[in-house]
Amino acid sequence: MASFKTILADVGNGLKKFFGVATTLAQDVEPLVDIAFPGFAALYNSAVAEAVKAEALAIAAGNQTGTGAQKLALVVAAITPSVTSYAAANGLAAPTAATITNYANAVVATLNALQAQPTA
């Protein structure tokens, strides 16, 4: 039977690989996104970084599952200034809390979509 420490190390290594791929992918497409939507890639990458931080904090606290609302709140709080600034700089309406929450959820959904699919 594996020790608790070994299980945590395995989880941490798996998470590190997943988020490493997600972060690398986000950085790789940034120049293309910036052509179509100037400045947006940096905003997206910032949200990715905050989602990764929130997940890492939950793992460190031993609360990875069942804490989605708390993790979302951390991400929303962290990205609100950047999203608001981006909107103002690009002549967009000031985002509401609901809009920023929806954006954070969308970023997390893109990260979840990148997870390896189980093989048969």
PDB file of N, CA and C in Angstrom:
ATOM      1  N   MET A   1       0.849  -1.178   0.000  1.00  0.00           N
ATOM      2  CA  MET A   1       0.000   0.000   0.000  1.00  0.00           C
ATOM      3  C   MET A   1       0.892   1.237   0.000  1.00  0.00           C
ATOM      4  N   ALA A   2       0.570   2.177  -0.867  1.00  0.00           N
ATOM      5  CA  ALA A   2       1.361   3.397  -0.988  1.00  0.00           C
ATOM      6  C   ALA A   2       1.105   4.315   0.203  1.00  0.00           C
ATOM      7  N   SER A   3       2.154   5.011   0.597  1.00  0.00           N
ATOM      8  CA  SER A   3       2.003   5.938   1.720  1.00  0.00           C
ATOM      9  C   SER A   3       1.252   7.183   1.259  1.00  0.00           C
ATOM     10  N   PHE A   4       0.695   7.908   2.225  1.00  0.00           N
ATOM     11  CA  PHE A   4      -0.030   9.136   1.927  1.00  0.00           C
ATOM     12  C   PHE A   4       0.882  10.128   1.213  1.00  0.00           C
ATOM     13  N   LYS A   5       2.145  10.202   1.668  1.00  0.00           N
ATOM     14  CA  LYS A   5       3.105  11.120   1.071  1.00  0.00           C
ATOM     15  C   LYS A   5       3.350  10.762  -0.391  1.00  0.00           C
ATOM     16  N   THR A   6       3.437   9.459  -0.696  1.00  0.00           N
ATOM     17  CA  THR A   6       3.646   9.008  -2.070  1.00  0.00           C
ATOM     18  C   THR A   6       2.442   9.368  -2.933  1.00  0.00           C
ATOM     19  N   ILE A   7       1.247   9.178  -2.399  1.00  0.00           N
ATOM     20  CA  ILE A   7       0.041   9.504  -3.152  1.00  0.00           C
ATOM     21  C   ILE A   7       0.004  11.003  -3.464  1.00  0.00           C
ATOM     22  N   LEU A   8       0.321  11.838  -2.468  1.00  0.00           N
ATOM     23  CA  LEU A   8       0.354  13.280  -2.703  1.00  0.00           C
ATOM     24  C   LEU A   8       1.410  13.652  -3.745  1.00  0.00           C
ATOM     25  N   ALA A   9       2.544  12.997  -3.686  1.00  0.00           N
ATOM     26  CA  ALA A   9       3.599  13.278  -4.660  1.00  0.00           C
ATOM     27  C   ALA A   9       3.118  12.911  -6.064  1.00  0.00           C
ATOM     28  N   ASP A  10       2.430  11.766  -6.190  1.00  0.00           N
ATOM     29  CA  ASP A  10       1.904  11.347  -7.490  1.00  0.00           C
ATOM     30  C   ASP A  10       0.877  12.350  -8.014  1.00  0.00           C
ATOM     31  N   VAL A  11      -0.015  12.782  -7.135  1.00  0.00           N
ATOM     32  CA  VAL A  11      -1.015  13.773  -7.525  1.00  0.00           C
ATOM     33  C   VAL A  11      -0.328  15.067  -7.939  1.00  0.00           C
ATOM     34  N   GLY A  12       0.616  15.509  -7.154  1.00  0.00           N
ATOM     35  CA  GLY A  12       1.340  16.743  -7.466  1.00  0.00           C
ATOM     36  C   GLY A  12       2.081  16.655  -8.790  1.00  0.00           C
ATOM     37  N   ASN A  13       2.727  15.518  -9.055  1.00  0.00           N
ATOM     38  CA  ASN A  13       3.445  15.351 -10.319  1.00  0.00           C
ATOM     39  C   ASN A  13       2.493  15.343 -11.503  1.00  0.00           C
ATOM     40  N   GLY A  14       1.348  14.679 -11.342  1.00  0.00           N
ATOM     41  CA  GLY A  14       0.356  14.658 -12.413  1.00  0.00           C
ATOM     42  C   GLY A  14      -0.180  16.047 -12.690  1.00  0.00           C
ATOM     43  N   LEU A  15      -0.461  16.790 -11.628  1.00  0.00           N
ATOM     44  CA  LEU A  15      -0.967  18.149 -11.774  1.00  0.00           C
ATOM     45  C   LEU A  15       0.088  19.044 -12.414  1.00  0.00           C
ATOM     46  N   LYS A  16       1.327  18.868 -12.008  1.00  0.00           N
ATOM     47  CA  LYS A  16       2.416  19.672 -12.570  1.00  0.00           C
ATOM     48  C   LYS A  16       2.517  19.438 -14.075  1.00  0.00           C
ATOM     49  N   LYS A  17       2.409  18.176 -14.502  1.00  0.00           N
ATOM     50  CA  LYS A  17       2.471  17.867 -15.936  1.00  0.00           C
ATOM     51  C   LYS A  17       1.307  18.509 -16.676  1.00  0.00           C
ATOM     52  N   PHE A  18       0.078  18.341 -16.137  1.00  0.00           N
ATOM     53  CA  PHE A  18      -1.103  18.878 -16.795  1.00  0.00           C
ATOM     54  C   PHE A  18      -1.015  20.391 -16.934  1.00  0.00           C
ATOM     55  N   PHE A  19      -0.751  21.086 -15.827  1.00  0.00           N
ATOM     56  CA  PHE A  19      -0.722  22.539 -15.881  1.00  0.00           C
ATOM     57  C   PHE A  19       0.499  23.038 -16.650  1.00  0.00           C
ATOM     58  N   GLY A  20       1.563  22.265 -16.673  1.00  0.00           N
ATOM     59  CA  GLY A  20       2.714  22.632 -17.490  1.00  0.00           C
ATOM     60  C   GLY A  20       2.348  22.641 -18.964  1.00  0.00           C
ATOM     61  N   VAL A  21       1.596  21.626 -19.397  1.00  0.00           N
ATOM     62  CA  VAL A  21       1.138  21.551 -20.788  1.00  0.00           C
ATOM     63  C   VAL A  21       0.184  22.698 -21.076  1.00  0.00           C
ATOM     64  N   ALA A  22      -0.753  22.953 -20.173  1.00  0.00           N
ATOM     65  CA  ALA A  22      -1.724  24.022 -20.379  1.00  0.00           C
ATOM     66  C   ALA A  22      -1.033  25.381 -20.467  1.00  0.00           C
ATOM     67  N   THR A  23      -0.081  25.618 -19.584  1.00  0.00           N
ATOM     68  CA  THR A  23       0.625  26.896 -19.583  1.00  0.00           C
ATOM     69  C   THR A  23       1.460  27.040 -20.842  1.00  0.00           C
ATOM     70  N   THR A  24       2.133  25.972 -21.253  1.00  0.00           N
ATOM     71  CA  THR A  24       2.940  26.003 -22.478  1.00  0.00           C
ATOM     72  C   THR A  24       2.070  26.267 -23.695  1.00  0.00           C
ATOM     73  N   LEU A  25       0.930  25.595 -23.764  1.00  0.00           N
ATOM     74  CA  LEU A  25       0.012  25.802 -24.887  1.00  0.00           C
ATOM     75  C   LEU A  25      -0.471  27.243 -24.924  1.00  0.00           C
ATOM     76  N   ALA A  26      -0.841  27.775 -23.772  1.00  0.00           N
ATOM     77  CA  ALA A  26      -1.316  29.166 -23.712  1.00  0.00           C
ATOM     78  C   ALA A  26      -0.222  30.120 -24.199  1.00  0.00           C
ATOM     79  N   GLN A  27       1.011  29.871 -23.811  1.00  0.00           N
ATOM     80  CA  GLN A  27       2.122  30.739 -24.234  1.00  0.00           C
ATOM     81  C   GLN A  27       2.398  30.590 -25.725  1.00  0.00           C
ATOM     82  N   ASP A  28       2.252  29.370 -26.248  1.00  0.00           N
ATOM     83  CA  ASP A  28       2.512  29.130 -27.663  1.00  0.00           C
ATOM     84  C   ASP A  28       1.514  29.845 -28.566  1.00  0.00           C
ATOM     85  N   VAL A  29       0.256  29.920 -28.156  1.00  0.00           N
ATOM     86  CA  VAL A  29      -0.748  30.544 -29.011  1.00  0.00           C
ATOM     87  C   VAL A  29      -0.877  32.050 -28.763  1.00  0.00           C
ATOM     88  N   GLU A  30      -0.184  32.558 -27.754  1.00  0.00           N
ATOM     89  CA  GLU A  30      -0.309  33.981 -27.420  1.00  0.00           C
ATOM     90  C   GLU A  30      -0.057  34.903 -28.606  1.00  0.00           C
ATOM     91  N   PRO A  31       1.002  34.716 -29.408  1.00  0.00           N
ATOM     92  CA  PRO A  31       1.212  35.644 -30.537  1.00  0.00           C
ATOM     93  C   PRO A  31       0.051  35.627 -31.541  1.00  0.00           C
ATOM     94  N   LEU A  32      -0.533  34.464 -31.778  1.00  0.00           N
ATOM     95  CA  LEU A  32      -1.650  34.376 -32.718  1.00  0.00           C
ATOM     96  C   LEU A  32      -2.895  35.062 -32.166  1.00  0.00           C
ATOM     97  N   VAL A  33      -3.159  34.853 -30.895  1.00  0.00           N
ATOM     98  CA  VAL A  33      -4.312  35.489 -30.263  1.00  0.00           C
ATOM     99  C   VAL A  33      -4.125  36.997 -30.237  1.00  0.00           C
ATOM    100  N   ASP A  34      -2.906  37.452 -29.986  1.00  0.00           N
ATOM    101  CA  ASP A  34      -2.650  38.893 -29.926  1.00  0.00           C
ATOM    102  C   ASP A  34      -2.879  39.579 -31.278  1.00  0.00           C
ATOM    103  N   ILE A  35      -2.701  38.841 -32.365  1.00  0.00           N
ATOM    104  CA  ILE A  35      -2.966  39.424 -33.683  1.00  0.00           C
ATOM    105  C   ILE A  35      -4.468  39.697 -33.828  1.00  0.00           C
ATOM    106  N   ALA A  36      -5.273  38.708 -33.445  1.00  0.00           N
ATOM    107  CA  ALA A  36      -6.722  38.834 -33.581  1.00  0.00           C
ATOM    108  C   ALA A  36      -7.335  39.715 -32.498  1.00  0.00           C
ATOM    109  N   PHE A  37      -6.840  39.598 -31.276  1.00  0.00           N
ATOM    110  CA  PHE A  37      -7.379  40.329 -30.132  1.00  0.00           C
ATOM    111  C   PHE A  37      -6.223  40.922 -29.334  1.00  0.00           C
ATOM    112  N   PRO A  38      -5.752  42.098 -29.741  1.00  0.00           N
ATOM    113  CA  PRO A  38      -4.584  42.680 -29.068  1.00  0.00           C
ATOM    114  C   PRO A  38      -4.737  42.748 -27.551  1.00  0.00           C
ATOM    115  N   GLY A  39      -3.720  42.244 -26.860  1.00  0.00           N
ATOM    116  CA  GLY A  39      -3.692  42.289 -25.404  1.00  0.00           C
ATOM    117  C   GLY A  39      -4.481  41.196 -24.710  1.00  0.00           C
ATOM    118  N   PHE A  40      -5.309  40.471 -25.447  1.00  0.00           N
ATOM    119  CA  PHE A  40      -6.160  39.478 -24.803  1.00  0.00           C
ATOM    120  C   PHE A  40      -5.383  38.253 -24.334  1.00  0.00           C
ATOM    121  N   ALA A  41      -4.348  37.869 -25.062  1.00  0.00           N
ATOM    122  CA  ALA A  41      -3.582  36.677 -24.690  1.00  0.00           C
ATOM    123  C   ALA A  41      -2.957  36.843 -23.306  1.00  0.00           C
ATOM    124  N   ALA A  42      -2.461  38.029 -23.010  1.00  0.00           N
ATOM    125  CA  ALA A  42      -1.879  38.257 -21.690  1.00  0.00           C
ATOM    126  C   ALA A  42      -2.947  38.139 -20.605  1.00  0.00           C
ATOM    127  N   LEU A  43      -4.143  38.625 -20.888  1.00  0.00           N
ATOM    128  CA  LEU A  43      -5.250  38.516 -19.948  1.00  0.00           C
ATOM    129  C   LEU A  43      -5.617  37.049 -19.724  1.00  0.00           C
ATOM    130  N   TYR A  44      -5.666  36.284 -20.806  1.00  0.00           N
ATOM    131  CA  TYR A  44      -5.973  34.861 -20.708  1.00  0.00           C
ATOM    132  C   TYR A  44      -4.892  34.136 -19.905  1.00  0.00           C
ATOM    133  N   ASN A  45      -3.638  34.395 -20.227  1.00  0.00           N
ATOM    134  CA  ASN A  45      -2.546  33.726 -19.523  1.00  0.00           C
ATOM    135  C   ASN A  45      -2.526  34.087 -18.042  1.00  0.00           C
ATOM    136  N   SER A  46      -2.910  35.303 -17.717  1.00  0.00           N
ATOM    137  CA  SER A  46      -3.012  35.716 -16.324  1.00  0.00           C
ATOM    138  C   SER A  46      -4.094  34.899 -15.611  1.00  0.00           C
ATOM    139  N   ALA A  47      -5.221  34.714 -16.275  1.00  0.00           N
ATOM    140  CA  ALA A  47      -6.304  33.916 -15.683  1.00  0.00           C
ATOM    141  C   ALA A  47      -5.888  32.456 -15.527  1.00  0.00           C
ATOM    142  N   VAL A  48      -5.140  31.926 -16.495  1.00  0.00           N
ATOM    143  CA  VAL A  48      -4.627  30.557 -16.388  1.00  0.00           C
ATOM    144  C   VAL A  48      -3.719  30.453 -15.165  1.00  0.00           C
ATOM    145  N   ALA A  49      -2.821  31.407 -15.008  1.00  0.00           N
ATOM    146  CA  ALA A  49      -1.896  31.385 -13.870  1.00  0.00           C
ATOM    147  C   ALA A  49      -2.655  31.433 -12.548  1.00  0.00           C
ATOM    148  N   GLU A  50      -3.689  32.242 -12.471  1.00  0.00           N
ATOM    149  CA  GLU A  50      -4.466  32.339 -11.231  1.00  0.00           C
ATOM    150  C   GLU A  50      -5.241  31.051 -10.958  1.00  0.00           C
ATOM    151  N   ALA A  51      -5.750  30.408 -12.001  1.00  0.00           N
ATOM    152  CA  ALA A  51      -6.449  29.128 -11.823  1.00  0.00           C
ATOM    153  C   ALA A  51      -5.484  28.066 -11.315  1.00  0.00           C
ATOM    154  N   VAL A  52      -4.277  28.069 -11.858  1.00  0.00           N
ATOM    155  CA  VAL A  52      -3.254  27.120 -11.414  1.00  0.00           C
ATOM    156  C   VAL A  52      -2.902  27.374  -9.951  1.00  0.00           C
ATOM    157  N   LYS A  53      -2.751  28.642  -9.574  1.00  0.00           N
ATOM    158  CA  LYS A  53      -2.445  28.978  -8.181  1.00  0.00           C
ATOM    159  C   LYS A  53      -3.550  28.514  -7.242  1.00  0.00           C
ATOM    160  N   ALA A  54      -4.799  28.757  -7.633  1.00  0.00           N
ATOM    161  CA  ALA A  54      -5.929  28.364  -6.785  1.00  0.00           C
ATOM    162  C   ALA A  54      -5.961  26.851  -6.595  1.00  0.00           C
ATOM    163  N   GLU A  55      -5.701  26.122  -7.659  1.00  0.00           N
ATOM    164  CA  GLU A  55      -5.687  24.655  -7.564  1.00  0.00           C
ATOM    165  C   GLU A  55      -4.529  24.188  -6.691  1.00  0.00           C
ATOM    166  N   ALA A  56      -3.374  24.810  -6.853  1.00  0.00           N
ATOM    167  CA  ALA A  56      -2.209  24.435  -6.049  1.00  0.00           C
ATOM    168  C   ALA A  56      -2.449  24.712  -4.566  1.00  0.00           C
ATOM    169  N   LEU A  57      -3.090  25.846  -4.262  1.00  0.00           N
ATOM    170  CA  LEU A  57      -3.403  26.158  -2.869  1.00  0.00           C
ATOM    171  C   LEU A  57      -4.361  25.130  -2.281  1.00  0.00           C
ATOM    172  N   ALA A  58      -5.340  24.709  -3.069  1.00  0.00           N
ATOM    173  CA  ALA A  58      -6.296  23.713  -2.591  1.00  0.00           C
ATOM    174  C   ALA A  58      -5.603  22.380  -2.328  1.00  0.00           C
ATOM    175  N   ILE A  59      -4.698  21.993  -3.208  1.00  0.00           N
ATOM    176  CA  ILE A  59      -3.962  20.738  -3.026  1.00  0.00           C
ATOM    177  C   ILE A  59      -3.094  20.825  -1.772  1.00  0.00           C
ATOM    178  N   ALA A  60      -2.403  21.951  -1.626  1.00  0.00           N
ATOM    179  CA  ALA A  60      -1.537  22.125  -0.459  1.00  0.00           C
ATOM    180  C   ALA A  60      -2.336  22.068   0.839  1.00  0.00           C
ATOM    181  N   ALA A  61      -3.577  22.539   0.791  1.00  0.00           N
ATOM    182  CA  ALA A  61      -4.426  22.528   1.981  1.00  0.00           C
ATOM    183  C   ALA A  61      -5.170  21.207   2.145  1.00  0.00           C
ATOM    184  N   GLY A  62      -5.001  20.303   1.183  1.00  0.00           N
ATOM    185  CA  GLY A  62      -5.694  19.019   1.237  1.00  0.00           C
ATOM    186  C   GLY A  62      -7.177  19.139   0.921  1.00  0.00           C
ATOM    187  N   ASN A  63      -7.547  20.200   0.197  1.00  0.00           N
ATOM    188  CA  ASN A  63      -8.951  20.456  -0.125  1.00  0.00           C
ATOM    189  C   ASN A  63      -9.172  20.591  -1.623  1.00  0.00           C
ATOM    190  N   GLN A  64      -8.638  19.676  -2.398  1.00  0.00           N
ATOM    191  CA  GLN A  64      -8.748  19.798  -3.848  1.00  0.00           C
ATOM    192  C   GLN A  64     -10.184  19.602  -4.331  1.00  0.00           C
ATOM    193  N   THR A  65     -10.913  18.677  -3.734  1.00  0.00           N
ATOM    194  CA  THR A  65     -12.272  18.431  -4.186  1.00  0.00           C
ATOM    195  C   THR A  65     -13.267  19.119  -3.269  1.00  0.00           C
ATOM    196  N   GLY A  66     -14.389  19.496  -3.848  1.00  0.00           N
ATOM    197  CA  GLY A  66     -15.441  20.128  -3.077  1.00  0.00           C
ATOM    198  C   GLY A  66     -15.192  21.580  -2.736  1.00  0.00           C
ATOM    199  N   THR A  67     -14.180  22.182  -3.349  1.00  0.00           N
ATOM    200  CA  THR A  67     -13.848  23.579  -3.037  1.00  0.00           C
ATOM    201  C   THR A  67     -13.900  24.452  -4.286  1.00  0.00           C
ATOM    202  N   GLY A  68     -14.683  24.042  -5.243  1.00  0.00           N
ATOM    203  CA  GLY A  68     -14.761  24.794  -6.500  1.00  0.00           C
ATOM    204  C   GLY A  68     -15.167  26.238  -6.307  1.00  0.00           C
ATOM    205  N   ALA A  69     -16.149  26.475  -5.447  1.00  0.00           N
ATOM    206  CA  ALA A  69     -16.610  27.853  -5.227  1.00  0.00           C
ATOM    207  C   ALA A  69     -15.506  28.717  -4.620  1.00  0.00           C
ATOM    208  N   GLN A  70     -14.751  28.148  -3.700  1.00  0.00           N
ATOM    209  CA  GLN A  70     -13.665  28.906  -3.084  1.00  0.00           C
ATOM    210  C   GLN A  70     -12.543  29.180  -4.091  1.00  0.00           C
ATOM    211  N   LYS A  71     -12.214  28.171  -4.897  1.00  0.00           N
ATOM    212  CA  LYS A  71     -11.171  28.357  -5.897  1.00  0.00           C
ATOM    213  C   LYS A  71     -11.612  29.398  -6.930  1.00  0.00           C
ATOM    214  N   LEU A  72     -12.870  29.329  -7.342  1.00  0.00           N
ATOM    215  CA  LEU A  72     -13.394  30.308  -8.291  1.00  0.00           C
ATOM    216  C   LEU A  72     -13.330  31.719  -7.708  1.00  0.00           C
ATOM    217  N   ALA A  73     -13.688  31.863  -6.448  1.00  0.00           N
ATOM    218  CA  ALA A  73     -13.642  33.178  -5.801  1.00  0.00           C
ATOM    219  C   ALA A  73     -12.221  33.733  -5.785  1.00  0.00           C
ATOM    220  N   LEU A  74     -11.226  32.872  -5.551  1.00  0.00           N
ATOM    221  CA  LEU A  74      -9.831  33.325  -5.576  1.00  0.00           C
ATOM    222  C   LEU A  74      -9.444  33.829  -6.964  1.00  0.00           C
ATOM    223  N   VAL A  75      -9.833  33.072  -7.984  1.00  0.00           N
ATOM    224  CA  VAL A  75      -9.493  33.453  -9.356  1.00  0.00           C
ATOM    225  C   VAL A  75     -10.191  34.759  -9.728  1.00  0.00           C
ATOM    226  N   VAL A  76     -11.481  34.853  -9.429  1.00  0.00           N
ATOM    227  CA  VAL A  76     -12.236  36.067  -9.768  1.00  0.00           C
ATOM    228  C   VAL A  76     -11.624  37.286  -9.084  1.00  0.00           C
ATOM    229  N   ALA A  77     -11.302  37.172  -7.813  1.00  0.00           N
ATOM    230  CA  ALA A  77     -10.701  38.298  -7.093  1.00  0.00           C
ATOM    231  C   ALA A  77      -9.364  38.704  -7.711  1.00  0.00           C
ATOM    232  N   ALA A  78      -8.591  37.717  -8.122  1.00  0.00           N
ATOM    233  CA  ALA A  78      -7.261  38.006  -8.669  1.00  0.00           C
ATOM    234  C   ALA A  78      -7.323  38.638 -10.058  1.00  0.00           C
ATOM    235  N   ILE A  79      -8.288  38.227 -10.879  1.00  0.00           N
ATOM    236  CA  ILE A  79      -8.315  38.731 -12.264  1.00  0.00           C
ATOM    237  C   ILE A  79      -9.196  39.957 -12.459  1.00  0.00           C
ATOM    238  N   THR A  80     -10.014  40.298 -11.482  1.00  0.00           N
ATOM    239  CA  THR A  80     -10.932  41.434 -11.647  1.00  0.00           C
ATOM    240  C   THR A  80     -10.216  42.714 -12.075  1.00  0.00           C
ATOM    241  N   PRO A  81      -9.112  43.106 -11.438  1.00  0.00           N
ATOM    242  CA  PRO A  81      -8.452  44.349 -11.884  1.00  0.00           C
ATOM    243  C   PRO A  81      -7.979  44.279 -13.342  1.00  0.00           C
ATOM    244  N   SER A  82      -7.450  43.140 -13.752  1.00  0.00           N
ATOM    245  CA  SER A  82      -6.954  42.999 -15.128  1.00  0.00           C
ATOM    246  C   SER A  82      -8.091  43.017 -16.141  1.00  0.00           C
ATOM    247  N   VAL A  83      -9.182  42.327 -15.833  1.00  0.00           N
ATOM    248  CA  VAL A  83     -10.327  42.285 -16.744  1.00  0.00           C
ATOM    249  C   VAL A  83     -10.937  43.680 -16.866  1.00  0.00           C
ATOM    250  N   THR A  84     -11.074  44.369 -15.750  1.00  0.00           N
ATOM    251  CA  THR A  84     -11.636  45.716 -15.753  1.00  0.00           C
ATOM    252  C   THR A  84     -10.746  46.665 -16.555  1.00  0.00           C
ATOM    253  N   SER A  85      -9.450  46.557 -16.352  1.00  0.00           N
ATOM    254  CA  SER A  85      -8.489  47.391 -17.072  1.00  0.00           C
ATOM    255  C   SER A  85      -8.526  47.099 -18.572  1.00  0.00           C
ATOM    256  N   TYR A  86      -8.575  45.816 -18.934  1.00  0.00           N
ATOM    257  CA  TYR A  86      -8.634  45.431 -20.346  1.00  0.00           C
ATOM    258  C   TYR A  86      -9.881  46.022 -21.003  1.00  0.00           C
ATOM    259  N   ALA A  87     -11.015  45.909 -20.326  1.00  0.00           N
ATOM    260  CA  ALA A  87     -12.263  46.430 -20.878  1.00  0.00           C
ATOM    261  C   ALA A  87     -12.163  47.939 -21.103  1.00  0.00           C
ATOM    262  N   ALA A  88     -11.655  48.659 -20.112  1.00  0.00           N
ATOM    263  CA  ALA A  88     -11.534  50.114 -20.231  1.00  0.00           C
ATOM    264  C   ALA A  88     -10.581  50.499 -21.363  1.00  0.00           C
ATOM    265  N   ALA A  89      -9.462  49.799 -21.470  1.00  0.00           N
ATOM    266  CA  ALA A  89      -8.468  50.109 -22.500  1.00  0.00           C
ATOM    267  C   ALA A  89      -8.969  49.821 -23.907  1.00  0.00           C
ATOM    268  N   ASN A  90      -9.958  48.944 -24.017  1.00  0.00           N
ATOM    269  CA  ASN A  90     -10.447  48.560 -25.336  1.00  0.00           C
ATOM    270  C   ASN A  90     -11.851  49.081 -25.632  1.00  0.00           C
ATOM    271  N   GLY A  91     -12.300  50.038 -24.829  1.00  0.00           N
ATOM    272  CA  GLY A  91     -13.584  50.669 -25.082  1.00  0.00           C
ATOM    273  C   GLY A  91     -14.784  49.762 -24.853  1.00  0.00           C
ATOM    274  N   LEU A  92     -14.622  48.777 -24.000  1.00  0.00           N
ATOM    275  CA  LEU A  92     -15.710  47.858 -23.699  1.00  0.00           C
ATOM    276  C   LEU A  92     -16.433  48.312 -22.443  1.00  0.00           C
ATOM    277  N   ALA A  93     -17.662  47.862 -22.296  1.00  0.00           N
ATOM    278  CA  ALA A  93     -18.419  48.187 -21.087  1.00  0.00           C
ATOM    279  C   ALA A  93     -17.708  47.595 -19.873  1.00  0.00           C
ATOM    280  N   ALA A  94     -17.832  48.283 -18.750  1.00  0.00           N
ATOM    281  CA  ALA A  94     -17.226  47.771 -17.513  1.00  0.00           C
ATOM    282  C   ALA A  94     -17.838  46.413 -17.194  1.00  0.00           C
ATOM    283  N   PRO A  95     -16.999  45.407 -16.975  1.00  0.00           N
ATOM    284  CA  PRO A  95     -17.534  44.070 -16.710  1.00  0.00           C
ATOM    285  C   PRO A  95     -18.192  43.987 -15.331  1.00  0.00           C
ATOM    286  N   THR A  96     -19.263  43.235 -15.278  1.00  0.00           N
ATOM    287  CA  THR A  96     -19.934  42.996 -13.998  1.00  0.00           C
ATOM    288  C   THR A  96     -19.243  41.833 -13.293  1.00  0.00           C
ATOM    289  N   ALA A  97     -19.580  41.639 -12.038  1.00  0.00           N
ATOM    290  CA  ALA A  97     -19.036  40.490 -11.300  1.00  0.00           C
ATOM    291  C   ALA A  97     -19.438  39.192 -11.985  1.00  0.00           C
ATOM    292  N   ALA A  98     -20.670  39.148 -12.504  1.00  0.00           N
ATOM    293  CA  ALA A  98     -21.136  37.936 -13.199  1.00  0.00           C
ATOM    294  C   ALA A  98     -20.325  37.688 -14.470  1.00  0.00           C
ATOM    295  N   THR A  99     -19.998  38.764 -15.185  1.00  0.00           N
ATOM    296  CA  THR A  99     -19.207  38.625 -16.410  1.00  0.00           C
ATOM    297  C   THR A  99     -17.813  38.089 -16.093  1.00  0.00           C
ATOM    298  N   ILE A 100     -17.196  38.609 -15.068  1.00  0.00           N
ATOM    299  CA  ILE A 100     -15.852  38.167 -14.688  1.00  0.00           C
ATOM    300  C   ILE A 100     -15.901  36.715 -14.203  1.00  0.00           C
ATOM    301  N   THR A 101     -16.930  36.363 -13.467  1.00  0.00           N
ATOM    302  CA  THR A 101     -17.091  34.971 -13.019  1.00  0.00           C
ATOM    303  C   THR A 101     -17.258  34.050 -14.217  1.00  0.00           C
ATOM    304  N   ASN A 102     -18.065  34.466 -15.182  1.00  0.00           N
ATOM    305  CA  ASN A 102     -18.246  33.649 -16.390  1.00  0.00           C
ATOM    306  C   ASN A 102     -16.935  33.489 -17.143  1.00  0.00           C
ATOM    307  N   TYR A 103     -16.146  34.556 -17.206  1.00  0.00           N
ATOM    308  CA  TYR A 103     -14.851  34.486 -17.873  1.00  0.00           C
ATOM    309  C   TYR A 103     -13.925  33.505 -17.151  1.00  0.00           C
ATOM    310  N   ALA A 104     -13.871  33.596 -15.829  1.00  0.00           N
ATOM    311  CA  ALA A 104     -13.022  32.678 -15.051  1.00  0.00           C
ATOM    312  C   ALA A 104     -13.463  31.235 -15.272  1.00  0.00           C
ATOM    313  N   ASN A 105     -14.765  30.997 -15.274  1.00  0.00           N
ATOM    314  CA  ASN A 105     -15.272  29.644 -15.533  1.00  0.00           C
ATOM    315  C   ASN A 105     -14.891  29.166 -16.924  1.00  0.00           C
ATOM    316  N   ALA A 106     -14.926  30.061 -17.902  1.00  0.00           N
ATOM    317  CA  ALA A 106     -14.562  29.688 -19.270  1.00  0.00           C
ATOM    318  C   ALA A 106     -13.084  29.323 -19.372  1.00  0.00           C
ATOM    319  N   VAL A 107     -12.240  30.067 -18.685  1.00  0.00           N
ATOM    320  CA  VAL A 107     -10.801  29.754 -18.696  1.00  0.00           C
ATOM    321  C   VAL A 107     -10.571  28.378 -18.079  1.00  0.00           C
ATOM    322  N   VAL A 108     -11.206  28.117 -16.948  1.00  0.00           N
ATOM    323  CA  VAL A 108     -11.065  26.811 -16.303  1.00  0.00           C
ATOM    324  C   VAL A 108     -11.605  25.710 -17.215  1.00  0.00           C
ATOM    325  N   ALA A 109     -12.680  25.981 -17.924  1.00  0.00           N
ATOM    326  CA  ALA A 109     -13.236  24.990 -18.853  1.00  0.00           C
ATOM    327  C   ALA A 109     -12.243  24.659 -19.958  1.00  0.00           C
ATOM    328  N   THR A 110     -11.489  25.673 -20.434  1.00  0.00           N
ATOM    329  CA  THR A 110     -10.488  25.381 -21.466  1.00  0.00           C
ATOM    330  C   THR A 110      -9.370  24.518 -20.902  1.00  0.00           C
ATOM    331  N   LEU A 111      -8.998  24.767 -19.656  1.00  0.00           N
ATOM    332  CA  LEU A 111      -7.962  23.937 -19.025  1.00  0.00           C
ATOM    333  C   LEU A 111      -8.465  22.509 -18.837  1.00  0.00           C
ATOM    334  N   ASN A 112      -9.699  22.371 -18.399  1.00  0.00           N
ATOM    335  CA  ASN A 112     -10.271  21.030 -18.212  1.00  0.00           C
ATOM    336  C   ASN A 112     -10.385  20.288 -19.527  1.00  0.00           C
ATOM    337  N   ALA A 113     -10.647  21.009 -20.609  1.00  0.00           N
ATOM    338  CA  ALA A 113     -10.778  20.381 -21.922  1.00  0.00           C
ATOM    339  C   ALA A 113      -9.446  19.818 -22.410  1.00  0.00           C
ATOM    340  N   LEU A 114      -8.345  20.340 -21.891  1.00  0.00           N
ATOM    341  CA  LEU A 114      -7.024  19.876 -22.302  1.00  0.00           C
ATOM    342  C   LEU A 114      -6.572  18.619 -21.568  1.00  0.00           C
ATOM    343  N   GLN A 115      -7.345  18.172 -20.598  1.00  0.00           N
ATOM    344  CA  GLN A 115      -6.944  16.985 -19.840  1.00  0.00           C
ATOM    345  C   GLN A 115      -6.895  15.777 -20.764  1.00  0.00           C
ATOM    346  N   ALA A 116      -5.967  14.898 -20.467  1.00  0.00           N
ATOM    347  CA  ALA A 116      -5.827  13.675 -21.251  1.00  0.00           C
ATOM    348  C   ALA A 116      -7.093  12.839 -21.120  1.00  0.00           C
ATOM    349  N   GLN A 117      -7.570  12.352 -22.234  1.00  0.00           N
ATOM    350  CA  GLN A 117      -8.749  11.503 -22.229  1.00  0.00           C
ATOM    351  C   GLN A 117      -8.317  10.067 -21.903  1.00  0.00           C
ATOM    352  N   PRO A 118      -9.095   9.368 -21.085  1.00  0.00           N
ATOM    353  CA  PRO A 118      -8.723   7.990 -20.758  1.00  0.00           C
ATOM    354  C   PRO A 118      -8.754   7.110 -22.000  1.00  0.00           C
ATOM    355  N   THR A 119      -7.830   6.189 -22.033  1.00  0.00           N
ATOM    356  CA  THR A 119      -7.786   5.260 -23.162  1.00  0.00           C
ATOM    357  C   THR A 119      -8.460   3.956 -22.767  1.00  0.00           C
ATOM    358  N   ALA A 120      -9.011   3.286 -23.757  1.00  0.00           N
ATOM    359  CA  ALA A 120      -9.734   2.036 -23.486  1.00  0.00           C
ATOM    360  C   ALA A 120      -8.765   0.924 -23.191  1.00  0.00           C
TER     361      ALA A 120
END
